[in-house]
Amino acid sequence: MTQAPALTLPEEPEAPPAAAPLAAWAAVPAHAPAQGPHTSVELSFSADSAKLYSAWQAMANLAEMASQVFVTVKAQKAEVFGVLPLREADLIQ
C-alpha cells in the first residue's frame, strides 16, 4: 500500500495576519504523488497561542472534510512543567 505524500509547512513560517486561516502558510508537497489522488494530509507547524488559535478553525475544517483528524501536540520549555498548572488548564487529571 503506497502512502500518500505528506504536506509540510516551514518550521518557522512568516506569520500571517491574526485573522488569516492556516492556508495563509503555503503548504508544499514533500514529493509528487506516485499515482492517484491524495487520501491523507499531514501538517506540521510551530505556533504560539495566538497562531494556534487562528489555525484551530482550519483544523476543524479538515476534520469536517475527513470525518476525523488525529492530533499530536508537543510543547517544550526550559523549566519543568508543574503538575498543578497542567491540572488547572485541564490538560491532566
N, C-alpha and C. Protein backbone atom coordinates (compact mmCIF):
# COMPACT_ATOMS: atom_id res chain seq x y z
N MET A 1 0.85 -1.18 0.00
CA MET A 1 0.00 0.00 0.00
C MET A 1 0.89 1.24 0.00
N THR A 2 0.73 2.10 -0.96
CA THR A 2 1.52 3.32 -1.06
C THR A 2 0.89 4.42 -0.24
N GLN A 3 1.71 5.04 0.60
CA GLN A 3 1.20 6.12 1.45
C GLN A 3 1.21 7.43 0.64
N ALA A 4 0.17 8.21 0.77
CA ALA A 4 0.08 9.49 0.08
C ALA A 4 1.17 10.42 0.61
N PRO A 5 1.70 11.29 -0.24
CA PRO A 5 2.74 12.21 0.23
C PRO A 5 2.22 13.15 1.30
N ALA A 6 3.08 13.45 2.22
CA ALA A 6 2.72 14.34 3.31
C ALA A 6 2.89 15.79 2.88
N LEU A 7 2.06 16.65 3.40
CA LEU A 7 2.21 18.08 3.19
C LEU A 7 2.88 18.64 4.43
N THR A 8 3.88 19.45 4.25
CA THR A 8 4.58 20.01 5.39
C THR A 8 4.61 21.52 5.27
N LEU A 9 4.73 22.17 6.39
CA LEU A 9 4.83 23.61 6.44
C LEU A 9 6.23 23.97 6.90
N PRO A 10 6.72 25.14 6.56
CA PRO A 10 8.05 25.55 7.02
C PRO A 10 8.10 25.55 8.55
N GLU A 11 9.27 25.23 9.10
CA GLU A 11 9.44 25.16 10.55
C GLU A 11 9.09 26.48 11.21
N GLU A 12 9.55 27.58 10.68
CA GLU A 12 9.26 28.90 11.23
C GLU A 12 8.60 29.74 10.13
N PRO A 13 7.30 29.56 9.87
CA PRO A 13 6.64 30.31 8.80
C PRO A 13 6.55 31.79 9.15
N GLU A 14 6.55 32.60 8.11
CA GLU A 14 6.31 34.02 8.33
C GLU A 14 4.88 34.16 8.78
N ALA A 15 4.67 34.84 9.87
CA ALA A 15 3.34 34.91 10.47
C ALA A 15 2.37 35.67 9.58
N PRO A 16 1.21 35.06 9.27
CA PRO A 16 0.18 35.77 8.53
C PRO A 16 -0.57 36.69 9.49
N PRO A 17 -1.42 37.56 8.99
CA PRO A 17 -2.23 38.39 9.89
C PRO A 17 -3.04 37.50 10.83
N ALA A 18 -3.35 37.99 12.00
CA ALA A 18 -4.02 37.19 13.03
C ALA A 18 -5.30 36.54 12.55
N ALA A 19 -6.05 37.18 11.69
CA ALA A 19 -7.33 36.63 11.24
C ALA A 19 -7.17 35.67 10.06
N ALA A 20 -5.98 35.53 9.52
CA ALA A 20 -5.77 34.67 8.35
C ALA A 20 -5.86 33.21 8.74
N PRO A 21 -6.45 32.37 7.89
CA PRO A 21 -6.54 30.95 8.19
C PRO A 21 -5.18 30.28 8.00
N LEU A 22 -5.09 29.02 8.42
CA LEU A 22 -3.85 28.26 8.29
C LEU A 22 -3.38 28.22 6.84
N ALA A 23 -4.29 28.28 5.89
CA ALA A 23 -3.92 28.23 4.48
C ALA A 23 -3.00 29.38 4.09
N ALA A 24 -2.91 30.40 4.90
CA ALA A 24 -2.01 31.51 4.60
C ALA A 24 -0.56 31.06 4.61
N TRP A 25 -0.26 29.99 5.37
CA TRP A 25 1.06 29.38 5.29
C TRP A 25 1.01 28.42 4.11
N ALA A 26 1.83 28.63 3.12
CA ALA A 26 1.78 27.81 1.91
C ALA A 26 2.26 26.40 2.20
N ALA A 27 1.37 25.43 2.10
CA ALA A 27 1.73 24.02 2.26
C ALA A 27 2.34 23.53 0.96
N VAL A 28 3.46 22.88 1.06
CA VAL A 28 4.16 22.40 -0.13
C VAL A 28 4.30 20.90 -0.04
N PRO A 29 3.89 20.15 -1.09
CA PRO A 29 4.03 18.69 -1.05
C PRO A 29 5.50 18.30 -0.89
N ALA A 30 5.76 17.29 -0.06
CA ALA A 30 7.13 16.82 0.15
C ALA A 30 7.68 16.21 -1.13
N HIS A 31 6.83 15.55 -1.90
CA HIS A 31 7.21 14.99 -3.19
C HIS A 31 5.94 14.74 -3.99
N ALA A 32 6.09 14.54 -5.27
CA ALA A 32 4.94 14.35 -6.14
C ALA A 32 4.29 13.00 -5.86
N PRO A 33 2.96 12.90 -6.00
CA PRO A 33 2.29 11.63 -5.76
C PRO A 33 2.71 10.58 -6.78
N ALA A 34 2.83 9.33 -6.32
CA ALA A 34 3.19 8.24 -7.22
C ALA A 34 2.04 8.00 -8.20
N GLN A 35 0.84 7.86 -7.69
CA GLN A 35 -0.35 7.67 -8.52
C GLN A 35 -1.57 8.02 -7.70
N GLY A 36 -2.62 8.39 -8.38
CA GLY A 36 -3.91 8.58 -7.75
C GLY A 36 -4.02 9.83 -6.90
N PRO A 37 -5.20 10.02 -6.32
CA PRO A 37 -5.48 11.21 -5.52
C PRO A 37 -4.88 11.10 -4.12
N HIS A 38 -4.77 12.24 -3.46
CA HIS A 38 -4.31 12.27 -2.07
C HIS A 38 -5.42 11.74 -1.18
N THR A 39 -5.08 10.80 -0.32
CA THR A 39 -6.07 10.28 0.62
C THR A 39 -5.72 10.61 2.06
N SER A 40 -4.57 11.27 2.26
CA SER A 40 -4.24 11.71 3.60
C SER A 40 -3.47 13.03 3.51
N VAL A 41 -3.57 13.80 4.56
CA VAL A 41 -2.89 15.09 4.65
C VAL A 41 -2.21 15.13 6.00
N GLU A 42 -0.95 15.55 6.02
CA GLU A 42 -0.22 15.69 7.28
C GLU A 42 0.34 17.10 7.34
N LEU A 43 0.04 17.81 8.41
CA LEU A 43 0.52 19.18 8.59
C LEU A 43 1.40 19.23 9.83
N SER A 44 2.43 20.03 9.75
CA SER A 44 3.32 20.22 10.89
C SER A 44 3.71 21.68 10.92
N PHE A 45 3.55 22.32 12.07
CA PHE A 45 3.91 23.72 12.20
C PHE A 45 4.16 24.06 13.65
N SER A 46 4.94 25.09 13.88
CA SER A 46 5.11 25.57 15.24
C SER A 46 4.23 26.80 15.40
N ALA A 47 3.73 26.99 16.61
CA ALA A 47 2.81 28.10 16.83
C ALA A 47 2.82 28.54 18.28
N ASP A 48 2.65 29.83 18.47
CA ASP A 48 2.39 30.32 19.82
C ASP A 48 0.88 30.25 20.02
N SER A 49 0.38 30.70 21.15
CA SER A 49 -1.05 30.55 21.42
C SER A 49 -1.92 31.31 20.42
N ALA A 50 -1.49 32.47 19.97
CA ALA A 50 -2.28 33.24 19.00
C ALA A 50 -2.35 32.53 17.65
N LYS A 51 -1.24 32.01 17.17
CA LYS A 51 -1.23 31.29 15.89
C LYS A 51 -2.03 30.00 15.99
N LEU A 52 -1.91 29.32 17.13
CA LEU A 52 -2.67 28.09 17.31
C LEU A 52 -4.17 28.38 17.30
N TYR A 53 -4.56 29.44 17.96
CA TYR A 53 -5.98 29.81 17.99
C TYR A 53 -6.49 30.09 16.57
N SER A 54 -5.70 30.80 15.76
CA SER A 54 -6.16 31.11 14.41
C SER A 54 -6.12 29.87 13.50
N ALA A 55 -5.26 28.91 13.80
CA ALA A 55 -5.17 27.70 12.99
C ALA A 55 -6.26 26.68 13.36
N TRP A 56 -6.83 26.81 14.55
CA TRP A 56 -7.78 25.81 15.02
C TRP A 56 -9.00 25.67 14.10
N GLN A 57 -9.49 26.75 13.54
CA GLN A 57 -10.64 26.67 12.62
C GLN A 57 -10.27 25.87 11.38
N ALA A 58 -9.05 26.04 10.89
CA ALA A 58 -8.61 25.26 9.74
C ALA A 58 -8.56 23.77 10.08
N MET A 59 -8.14 23.44 11.29
CA MET A 59 -8.11 22.04 11.73
C MET A 59 -9.54 21.49 11.81
N ALA A 60 -10.47 22.31 12.30
CA ALA A 60 -11.87 21.89 12.36
C ALA A 60 -12.42 21.66 10.96
N ASN A 61 -12.06 22.51 10.01
CA ASN A 61 -12.50 22.32 8.62
C ASN A 61 -11.95 21.02 8.05
N LEU A 62 -10.68 20.71 8.35
CA LEU A 62 -10.08 19.46 7.88
C LEU A 62 -10.79 18.26 8.52
N ALA A 63 -11.12 18.35 9.79
CA ALA A 63 -11.85 17.28 10.47
C ALA A 63 -13.22 17.06 9.84
N GLU A 64 -13.85 18.14 9.44
CA GLU A 64 -15.15 18.03 8.77
C GLU A 64 -15.02 17.32 7.43
N MET A 65 -13.96 17.65 6.67
CA MET A 65 -13.74 17.01 5.37
C MET A 65 -13.42 15.53 5.52
N ALA A 66 -12.61 15.19 6.53
CA ALA A 66 -12.13 13.82 6.69
C ALA A 66 -12.97 13.00 7.66
N SER A 67 -13.90 13.61 8.36
CA SER A 67 -14.72 12.99 9.41
C SER A 67 -13.96 12.83 10.72
N GLN A 68 -12.62 12.84 10.67
CA GLN A 68 -11.83 12.69 11.89
C GLN A 68 -10.39 13.11 11.60
N VAL A 69 -9.74 13.71 12.57
CA VAL A 69 -8.31 14.00 12.48
C VAL A 69 -7.64 13.46 13.74
N PHE A 70 -6.36 13.20 13.66
CA PHE A 70 -5.57 12.75 14.79
C PHE A 70 -4.63 13.88 15.15
N VAL A 71 -4.67 14.33 16.39
CA VAL A 71 -3.90 15.49 16.82
C VAL A 71 -2.83 15.05 17.82
N THR A 72 -1.60 15.45 17.56
CA THR A 72 -0.50 15.24 18.49
C THR A 72 0.10 16.60 18.78
N VAL A 73 0.28 16.91 20.05
CA VAL A 73 0.83 18.20 20.44
C VAL A 73 2.10 17.96 21.25
N LYS A 74 3.13 18.71 20.94
CA LYS A 74 4.39 18.63 21.69
C LYS A 74 4.74 20.04 22.14
N ALA A 75 4.93 20.21 23.44
CA ALA A 75 5.31 21.51 23.98
C ALA A 75 6.60 21.35 24.77
N GLN A 76 7.48 22.32 24.66
CA GLN A 76 8.75 22.28 25.38
C GLN A 76 9.01 23.63 26.01
N LYS A 77 9.67 23.60 27.16
CA LYS A 77 10.14 24.82 27.79
C LYS A 77 11.36 24.47 28.62
N ALA A 78 12.13 25.47 28.99
CA ALA A 78 13.37 25.25 29.72
C ALA A 78 13.10 24.69 31.12
N GLU A 79 12.06 25.18 31.77
CA GLU A 79 11.74 24.75 33.13
C GLU A 79 10.84 23.51 33.09
N VAL A 80 10.74 22.86 34.22
CA VAL A 80 9.87 21.69 34.36
C VAL A 80 8.41 22.15 34.36
N PHE A 81 7.54 21.37 33.69
CA PHE A 81 6.11 21.65 33.74
C PHE A 81 5.61 21.20 35.11
N GLY A 82 4.99 22.10 35.85
CA GLY A 82 4.43 21.75 37.15
C GLY A 82 3.11 21.02 36.98
N VAL A 83 2.82 20.07 37.87
CA VAL A 83 1.59 19.28 37.79
C VAL A 83 0.36 20.15 38.02
N LEU A 84 0.40 21.02 39.02
CA LEU A 84 -0.77 21.85 39.34
C LEU A 84 -1.20 22.74 38.18
N PRO A 85 -0.30 23.49 37.53
CA PRO A 85 -0.74 24.28 36.38
C PRO A 85 -1.33 23.45 35.24
N LEU A 86 -0.79 22.24 35.03
CA LEU A 86 -1.34 21.36 33.99
C LEU A 86 -2.74 20.91 34.37
N ARG A 87 -2.97 20.64 35.64
CA ARG A 87 -4.33 20.26 36.09
C ARG A 87 -5.29 21.43 35.96
N GLU A 88 -4.84 22.61 36.37
CA GLU A 88 -5.70 23.79 36.30
C GLU A 88 -6.07 24.14 34.86
N ALA A 89 -5.22 23.79 33.91
CA ALA A 89 -5.50 24.03 32.50
C ALA A 89 -6.29 22.87 31.88
N ASP A 90 -6.72 21.93 32.70
CA ASP A 90 -7.47 20.74 32.26
C ASP A 90 -6.70 19.91 31.24
N LEU A 91 -5.38 19.89 31.36
CA LEU A 91 -4.55 19.09 30.47
C LEU A 91 -4.30 17.69 31.03
N ILE A 92 -4.38 17.56 32.36
CA ILE A 92 -4.26 16.27 33.02
C ILE A 92 -5.29 16.20 34.14
N GLN A 93 -5.53 15.01 34.65
CA GLN A 93 -6.48 14.85 35.75
C GLN A 93 -5.73 14.70 37.06
